[in-house]
Amino acid sequence: MDKRGGYLFAAVNAYDSAVDIGLLIEPAGTKQTNISLIVRSVAIVSFLVEDFSQQWTQFALEVIDQTVTFYFKCRRFASRQVTTLPDFSFDEAEKLYIASAGPIIDNGFE
């Protein structure tokens, strides 16, 4: 990750105007990074971890029922309850961008 952060991936609508699901990684001050699961253009859950810009790292998200669990550096880091998860059905015109959220939303990795 560079110092600006951005979307690791994003599935956007046919008009490239809204993120239906994505993972946004952003700096949070000088020594922390915020990782957010974005659904329907809203961060439904976020996790604050130590800064890992310019470094390889491992993390994972697990979603079971209404609980999102975050694993950082191969260890269970935290769990958060989510009040409502939307239907994850997507339009056939959805586009998947890697390291970006498309040309309009941008905010991709450099």
Protein backbone atom coordinates (compact mmCIF):
# COMPACT_ATOMS: atom_id res chain seq x y z
CA MET A 1 0.00 0.00 0.00
CA ASP A 2 1.25 3.48 -0.76
CA LYS A 3 0.82 6.39 1.67
CA ARG A 4 -2.51 7.45 0.07
CA GLY A 5 -4.27 4.09 0.28
CA GLY A 6 -7.28 3.32 -1.89
CA TYR A 7 -9.57 0.48 -2.90
CA LEU A 8 -8.01 -2.97 -2.89
CA PHE A 9 -11.00 -4.08 -4.97
CA ALA A 10 -14.44 -2.71 -5.79
CA ALA A 11 -17.49 -4.05 -7.58
CA VAL A 12 -19.28 -1.00 -8.97
CA ASN A 13 -22.61 -0.42 -10.68
CA ALA A 14 -23.00 -0.17 -14.45
CA TYR A 15 -22.46 3.62 -14.39
CA ASP A 16 -19.24 3.42 -12.32
CA SER A 17 -20.91 5.79 -9.85
CA ALA A 18 -21.36 3.64 -6.71
CA VAL A 19 -19.41 0.88 -4.98
CA ASP A 20 -21.69 -2.10 -4.33
CA ILE A 21 -18.99 -3.96 -2.40
CA GLY A 22 -15.34 -3.16 -1.88
CA LEU A 23 -12.42 -3.00 0.50
CA LEU A 24 -11.00 0.46 1.21
CA ILE A 25 -7.59 0.87 2.85
CA GLU A 26 -6.68 4.37 4.05
CA PRO A 27 -4.03 5.95 6.25
CA ALA A 28 -5.28 7.01 9.68
CA GLY A 29 -2.69 9.40 11.03
CA THR A 30 1.01 8.65 10.79
CA LYS A 31 1.13 5.24 12.44
CA GLN A 32 -2.21 3.57 11.67
CA THR A 33 -4.23 2.21 8.76
CA ASN A 34 -8.01 1.98 8.50
CA ILE A 35 -9.49 -1.00 6.61
CA SER A 36 -13.19 -0.67 5.74
CA LEU A 37 -15.66 -3.05 4.16
CA ILE A 38 -17.78 -0.90 1.85
CA VAL A 39 -21.29 -2.08 0.91
CA ARG A 40 -23.60 0.08 -1.22
CA SER A 41 -21.10 2.99 -0.90
CA VAL A 42 -21.22 2.93 2.92
CA ALA A 43 -18.56 1.61 5.30
CA ILE A 44 -20.46 -1.06 7.23
CA VAL A 45 -17.44 -2.01 9.35
CA SER A 46 -13.91 -0.67 9.84
CA PHE A 47 -10.79 -1.90 11.58
CA LEU A 48 -7.87 0.26 12.72
CA VAL A 49 -4.45 -1.46 12.58
CA GLU A 50 -0.79 -0.46 12.69
CA ASP A 51 0.55 1.23 9.56
CA PHE A 52 1.79 -1.21 6.93
CA SER A 53 2.42 1.13 4.00
CA GLN A 54 5.23 0.02 1.68
CA GLN A 55 5.17 -3.47 3.29
CA TRP A 56 3.62 -6.80 2.40
CA THR A 57 1.12 -7.96 4.98
CA GLN A 58 -1.62 -10.55 5.35
CA PHE A 59 -5.19 -9.89 6.36
CA ALA A 60 -8.60 -11.46 5.84
CA LEU A 61 -12.25 -10.75 6.51
CA GLU A 62 -14.76 -13.40 7.49
CA VAL A 63 -18.50 -12.68 7.35
CA ILE A 64 -20.80 -15.09 9.16
CA ASP A 65 -24.40 -14.10 9.76
CA GLN A 66 -24.22 -10.59 11.29
CA THR A 67 -20.58 -10.81 12.44
CA VAL A 68 -17.53 -9.59 10.54
CA THR A 69 -14.22 -10.93 11.87
CA PHE A 70 -10.91 -9.38 10.83
CA TYR A 71 -7.64 -11.33 10.80
CA PHE A 72 -4.37 -9.37 10.70
CA LYS A 73 -0.96 -11.00 10.28
CA CYS A 74 -2.59 -14.45 10.55
CA ARG A 75 -4.20 -13.70 13.93
CA ARG A 76 -7.79 -12.96 14.84
CA PHE A 77 -7.68 -9.21 15.42
CA ALA A 78 -11.29 -8.15 16.11
CA SER A 79 -14.95 -8.91 15.45
CA ARG A 80 -17.77 -6.46 14.86
CA GLN A 81 -21.52 -6.96 14.80
CA VAL A 82 -23.29 -5.57 11.74
CA THR A 83 -26.94 -4.66 12.19
CA THR A 84 -28.03 -5.44 8.65
CA LEU A 85 -26.23 -6.92 5.70
CA PRO A 86 -27.85 -6.05 2.38
CA ASP A 87 -28.73 -8.57 -0.27
CA PHE A 88 -25.55 -9.43 -2.15
CA SER A 89 -27.20 -9.98 -5.52
CA PHE A 90 -25.56 -7.99 -8.29
CA ASP A 91 -26.66 -6.68 -11.64
CA GLU A 92 -25.13 -8.45 -14.64
CA ALA A 93 -23.59 -5.12 -15.68
CA GLU A 94 -21.50 -4.90 -12.47
CA LYS A 95 -17.81 -4.26 -13.00
CA LEU A 96 -15.02 -5.57 -10.78
CA TYR A 97 -11.96 -3.36 -10.42
CA ILE A 98 -8.76 -4.50 -8.75
CA ALA A 99 -6.68 -1.81 -6.97
CA SER A 100 -9.28 0.79 -7.99
CA ALA A 101 -12.95 1.73 -7.89
CA GLY A 102 -13.15 2.65 -11.56
CA PRO A 103 -12.50 5.83 -13.54
CA ILE A 104 -15.14 8.02 -11.86
CA ILE A 105 -14.73 7.10 -8.18
CA ASP A 106 -10.98 6.51 -8.65
CA ASN A 107 -9.18 6.26 -5.27
CA GLY A 108 -6.99 3.42 -6.48
CA PHE A 109 -3.54 2.29 -5.50
CA GLU A 110 -0.49 3.79 -7.18
